[in-house]
Structure formats: structure tokens, C-alpha cells
């Protein structure tokens, strides 16, 4: 059986829209698996990543993890060069 991240997944094969990700490096870091987003906002109570498709349609993803003042999360299936904002 594969390992699952405690508190995020409860069963093998289960997914969530935003993975925990890493708090470093800051900004957006693409990988084959997912794009990691990390932003330094120590006083924020919530941070969202807004992704825009080619038609300008926006999708919002809440970053639920924060450590050392950095909010972070990894979003699967984000294309290289995708437009985004926090």
C-alpha cells in the first residue's frame, strides 16, 4: 500500500484540488506532478491562487498550508506559462 499524507488523504487514490506543497521557493514552481505556489504573507488570514485560462475565465484555489509566514500549496495540471495571481 502507498503512503498517504496525514490529514489530507484518507484512502489510496483519493485526491484534493490543492496539495500541501512546499514553502520554498517563493512564487510558482512548475513540475510534471503539480505547480507549487508559495507567497510570503505572514499577516494574511487566507490566501487564494487565481488561475486564468486562455479565455480569461478565472478559477480560485485556496492555499490551506502556511509555515514561517509563507502560504503554500501545489495545484496539479497547471500548464507552463499559465496566468495566475494571488
N, C-alpha and C. Protein backbone atom coordinates (compact mmCIF):
# COMPACT_ATOMS: atom_id res chain seq x y z
N UNK A 1 0.84 -1.18 0.00
CA UNK A 1 0.00 0.00 0.00
C UNK A 1 0.88 1.24 0.00
N UNK A 2 0.51 2.25 -0.78
CA UNK A 2 1.26 3.51 -0.85
C UNK A 2 0.97 4.35 0.39
N UNK A 3 1.93 5.19 0.73
CA UNK A 3 1.75 6.10 1.86
C UNK A 3 0.85 7.26 1.45
N UNK A 4 0.07 7.77 2.39
CA UNK A 4 -0.76 8.94 2.14
C UNK A 4 -0.37 10.03 3.14
N UNK A 5 -0.58 11.28 2.75
CA UNK A 5 -0.24 12.41 3.62
C UNK A 5 -1.24 12.49 4.77
N UNK A 6 -0.77 12.48 6.02
CA UNK A 6 -1.69 12.55 7.16
C UNK A 6 -2.54 13.82 7.12
N UNK A 7 -3.82 13.68 7.38
CA UNK A 7 -4.71 14.83 7.44
C UNK A 7 -5.22 15.30 6.08
N UNK A 8 -4.65 14.82 4.99
CA UNK A 8 -5.09 15.26 3.68
C UNK A 8 -5.86 14.16 2.97
N UNK A 9 -5.24 13.01 2.85
CA UNK A 9 -5.90 11.88 2.19
C UNK A 9 -6.13 10.78 3.21
N UNK A 10 -7.23 10.08 3.04
CA UNK A 10 -7.58 9.01 3.96
C UNK A 10 -7.54 7.64 3.28
N UNK A 11 -7.61 7.61 1.95
CA UNK A 11 -7.63 6.36 1.20
C UNK A 11 -6.72 6.49 -0.01
N UNK A 12 -6.10 5.39 -0.38
CA UNK A 12 -5.26 5.37 -1.57
C UNK A 12 -6.09 5.76 -2.79
N UNK A 13 -5.54 6.62 -3.63
CA UNK A 13 -6.22 7.06 -4.82
C UNK A 13 -7.09 8.30 -4.64
N UNK A 14 -7.30 8.75 -3.42
CA UNK A 14 -8.09 9.94 -3.14
C UNK A 14 -7.29 11.18 -3.54
N UNK A 15 -7.96 12.22 -4.00
CA UNK A 15 -7.28 13.45 -4.37
C UNK A 15 -7.98 14.66 -3.77
N UNK A 16 -7.28 15.77 -3.74
CA UNK A 16 -7.83 17.06 -3.34
C UNK A 16 -7.39 18.08 -4.39
N UNK A 17 -8.12 19.20 -4.55
CA UNK A 17 -7.77 20.16 -5.59
C UNK A 17 -6.44 20.87 -5.36
N UNK A 18 -6.06 21.06 -4.10
CA UNK A 18 -4.78 21.71 -3.77
C UNK A 18 -4.04 20.81 -2.80
N UNK A 19 -2.82 20.42 -3.17
CA UNK A 19 -1.98 19.60 -2.30
C UNK A 19 -1.23 20.50 -1.33
N UNK A 20 -0.66 19.96 -0.25
CA UNK A 20 0.06 20.80 0.72
C UNK A 20 1.22 21.60 0.12
N UNK A 21 1.97 21.06 -0.78
CA UNK A 21 3.06 21.81 -1.40
C UNK A 21 4.21 22.12 -0.45
N UNK A 22 5.09 23.06 -0.89
CA UNK A 22 6.27 23.45 -0.12
C UNK A 22 6.28 24.96 0.08
N UNK A 23 6.96 25.41 1.13
CA UNK A 23 7.04 26.85 1.38
C UNK A 23 8.25 27.51 0.72
N UNK A 24 9.00 26.76 -0.07
CA UNK A 24 10.18 27.29 -0.75
C UNK A 24 10.36 26.57 -2.08
N UNK A 25 10.73 27.24 -3.12
CA UNK A 25 10.98 28.67 -3.28
C UNK A 25 9.68 29.45 -3.42
N UNK A 26 9.76 30.75 -3.19
CA UNK A 26 8.59 31.62 -3.33
C UNK A 26 8.22 31.74 -4.80
N UNK A 27 6.94 32.01 -5.04
CA UNK A 27 6.45 32.15 -6.41
C UNK A 27 5.84 30.85 -6.89
N UNK A 28 5.82 30.69 -8.20
CA UNK A 28 5.26 29.49 -8.82
C UNK A 28 6.40 28.64 -9.37
N UNK A 29 6.40 27.36 -9.02
CA UNK A 29 7.43 26.44 -9.48
C UNK A 29 6.75 25.24 -10.12
N UNK A 30 6.93 25.10 -11.45
CA UNK A 30 6.29 24.03 -12.19
C UNK A 30 7.07 22.73 -12.05
N UNK A 31 6.35 21.61 -11.99
CA UNK A 31 6.93 20.27 -12.10
C UNK A 31 5.93 19.41 -12.86
N UNK A 32 6.35 18.24 -13.27
CA UNK A 32 5.47 17.34 -14.01
C UNK A 32 4.24 16.98 -13.17
N UNK A 33 4.44 16.83 -11.87
CA UNK A 33 3.36 16.41 -10.97
C UNK A 33 2.35 17.53 -10.68
N UNK A 34 2.85 18.72 -10.36
CA UNK A 34 1.99 19.84 -9.98
C UNK A 34 2.82 21.13 -9.96
N UNK A 35 2.13 22.26 -9.95
CA UNK A 35 2.81 23.55 -9.80
C UNK A 35 2.68 23.99 -8.35
N UNK A 36 3.83 24.26 -7.73
CA UNK A 36 3.85 24.71 -6.34
C UNK A 36 3.75 26.23 -6.30
N UNK A 37 2.86 26.74 -5.46
CA UNK A 37 2.71 28.17 -5.25
C UNK A 37 3.07 28.49 -3.81
N UNK A 38 3.91 29.52 -3.60
CA UNK A 38 4.32 29.93 -2.26
C UNK A 38 4.42 31.44 -2.23
N UNK A 39 3.77 32.06 -1.26
CA UNK A 39 3.77 33.52 -1.14
C UNK A 39 3.96 33.89 0.33
N UNK A 40 4.85 34.86 0.57
CA UNK A 40 5.11 35.32 1.93
C UNK A 40 4.03 36.33 2.30
N UNK A 41 3.21 35.98 3.26
CA UNK A 41 2.11 36.84 3.72
C UNK A 41 1.83 36.52 5.18
N UNK A 42 2.76 36.89 6.10
CA UNK A 42 2.64 36.45 7.49
C UNK A 42 1.40 36.95 8.22
N UNK A 43 0.81 38.04 7.79
CA UNK A 43 -0.38 38.57 8.48
C UNK A 43 -1.69 38.18 7.81
N UNK A 44 -1.61 37.48 6.70
CA UNK A 44 -2.82 37.07 5.98
C UNK A 44 -3.59 36.02 6.77
N UNK A 45 -4.89 36.04 6.61
CA UNK A 45 -5.73 35.02 7.24
C UNK A 45 -6.17 33.98 6.21
N UNK A 46 -6.11 34.33 4.93
CA UNK A 46 -6.44 33.43 3.83
C UNK A 46 -5.69 33.89 2.59
N UNK A 47 -5.23 32.95 1.79
CA UNK A 47 -4.59 33.27 0.51
C UNK A 47 -5.18 32.37 -0.56
N UNK A 48 -5.49 32.96 -1.70
CA UNK A 48 -6.04 32.24 -2.84
C UNK A 48 -5.11 32.40 -4.03
N UNK A 49 -4.98 31.35 -4.84
CA UNK A 49 -4.30 31.43 -6.13
C UNK A 49 -5.41 31.49 -7.17
N UNK A 50 -5.37 32.50 -8.02
CA UNK A 50 -6.35 32.65 -9.09
C UNK A 50 -5.67 32.29 -10.41
N UNK A 51 -6.19 31.29 -11.10
CA UNK A 51 -5.66 30.85 -12.39
C UNK A 51 -6.60 31.33 -13.50
N UNK A 52 -6.02 31.76 -14.62
CA UNK A 52 -6.81 32.26 -15.74
C UNK A 52 -6.52 31.42 -16.98
N UNK A 53 -7.58 30.98 -17.66
CA UNK A 53 -7.38 30.21 -18.88
C UNK A 53 -7.25 31.16 -20.07
N UNK A 54 -7.15 30.61 -21.28
CA UNK A 54 -6.95 31.42 -22.49
C UNK A 54 -8.12 32.36 -22.78
N UNK A 55 -9.29 32.08 -22.23
CA UNK A 55 -10.47 32.91 -22.45
C UNK A 55 -10.68 33.91 -21.33
N UNK A 56 -9.77 33.92 -20.34
CA UNK A 56 -9.89 34.85 -19.21
C UNK A 56 -10.76 34.35 -18.08
N UNK A 57 -11.21 33.10 -18.18
CA UNK A 57 -12.02 32.52 -17.11
C UNK A 57 -11.14 32.23 -15.91
N UNK A 58 -11.60 32.65 -14.75
CA UNK A 58 -10.82 32.52 -13.52
C UNK A 58 -11.27 31.31 -12.70
N UNK A 59 -10.30 30.60 -12.13
CA UNK A 59 -10.60 29.56 -11.14
C UNK A 59 -9.77 29.86 -9.90
N UNK A 60 -10.39 29.76 -8.74
CA UNK A 60 -9.72 30.10 -7.48
C UNK A 60 -9.42 28.85 -6.67
N UNK A 61 -8.23 28.86 -6.05
CA UNK A 61 -7.79 27.73 -5.24
C UNK A 61 -7.22 28.27 -3.93
N UNK A 62 -7.82 27.88 -2.82
CA UNK A 62 -7.35 28.35 -1.52
C UNK A 62 -6.10 27.59 -1.08
N UNK A 63 -5.10 28.34 -0.64
CA UNK A 63 -3.90 27.74 -0.06
C UNK A 63 -4.19 27.52 1.42
N UNK A 64 -4.14 26.28 1.86
CA UNK A 64 -4.51 25.96 3.25
C UNK A 64 -3.31 25.77 4.16
N UNK A 65 -2.13 25.65 3.57
CA UNK A 65 -0.93 25.41 4.37
C UNK A 65 -0.15 26.71 4.55
N UNK A 66 0.37 26.92 5.76
CA UNK A 66 1.25 28.07 5.99
C UNK A 66 2.27 27.71 7.04
N UNK A 67 3.52 28.10 6.74
CA UNK A 67 4.62 27.86 7.67
C UNK A 67 5.65 28.96 7.48
N UNK A 68 6.19 29.45 8.58
CA UNK A 68 7.20 30.51 8.58
C UNK A 68 6.72 31.74 7.83
N UNK A 69 5.44 32.04 7.91
CA UNK A 69 4.87 33.21 7.25
C UNK A 69 4.57 33.02 5.78
N UNK A 70 4.80 31.82 5.27
CA UNK A 70 4.59 31.53 3.84
C UNK A 70 3.36 30.64 3.67
N UNK A 71 2.44 31.09 2.83
CA UNK A 71 1.29 30.27 2.46
C UNK A 71 1.68 29.48 1.22
N UNK A 72 1.33 28.19 1.18
CA UNK A 72 1.79 27.37 0.06
C UNK A 72 0.82 26.25 -0.26
N UNK A 73 0.92 25.78 -1.50
CA UNK A 73 0.12 24.66 -1.97
C UNK A 73 0.54 24.30 -3.38
N UNK A 74 0.26 23.09 -3.78
CA UNK A 74 0.59 22.61 -5.12
C UNK A 74 -0.71 22.26 -5.83
N UNK A 75 -0.84 22.75 -7.06
CA UNK A 75 -2.04 22.51 -7.84
C UNK A 75 -1.66 21.67 -9.06
N UNK A 76 -2.27 20.49 -9.19
CA UNK A 76 -1.95 19.64 -10.35
C UNK A 76 -2.53 20.21 -11.65
N UNK A 77 -1.93 19.83 -12.76
CA UNK A 77 -2.42 20.14 -14.11
C UNK A 77 -2.42 21.63 -14.47
N UNK A 78 -1.48 22.39 -13.94
CA UNK A 78 -1.35 23.80 -14.35
C UNK A 78 -0.30 23.82 -15.48
N UNK A 79 -0.70 24.37 -16.61
CA UNK A 79 0.19 24.40 -17.76
C UNK A 79 1.32 25.41 -17.57
N UNK A 80 2.45 25.13 -18.21
CA UNK A 80 3.56 26.08 -18.20
C UNK A 80 3.09 27.37 -18.87
N UNK A 81 3.39 28.50 -18.25
CA UNK A 81 3.01 29.79 -18.80
C UNK A 81 1.60 30.24 -18.45
N UNK A 82 0.90 29.49 -17.59
CA UNK A 82 -0.45 29.87 -17.19
C UNK A 82 -0.42 31.20 -16.44
N UNK A 83 -1.42 32.02 -16.67
CA UNK A 83 -1.54 33.29 -15.94
C UNK A 83 -2.15 33.03 -14.57
N UNK A 84 -1.57 33.68 -13.55
CA UNK A 84 -2.07 33.49 -12.20
C UNK A 84 -1.87 34.76 -11.39
N UNK A 85 -2.54 34.82 -10.26
CA UNK A 85 -2.39 35.92 -9.31
C UNK A 85 -2.74 35.41 -7.93
N UNK A 86 -2.33 36.17 -6.92
CA UNK A 86 -2.64 35.79 -5.54
C UNK A 86 -3.71 36.72 -4.99
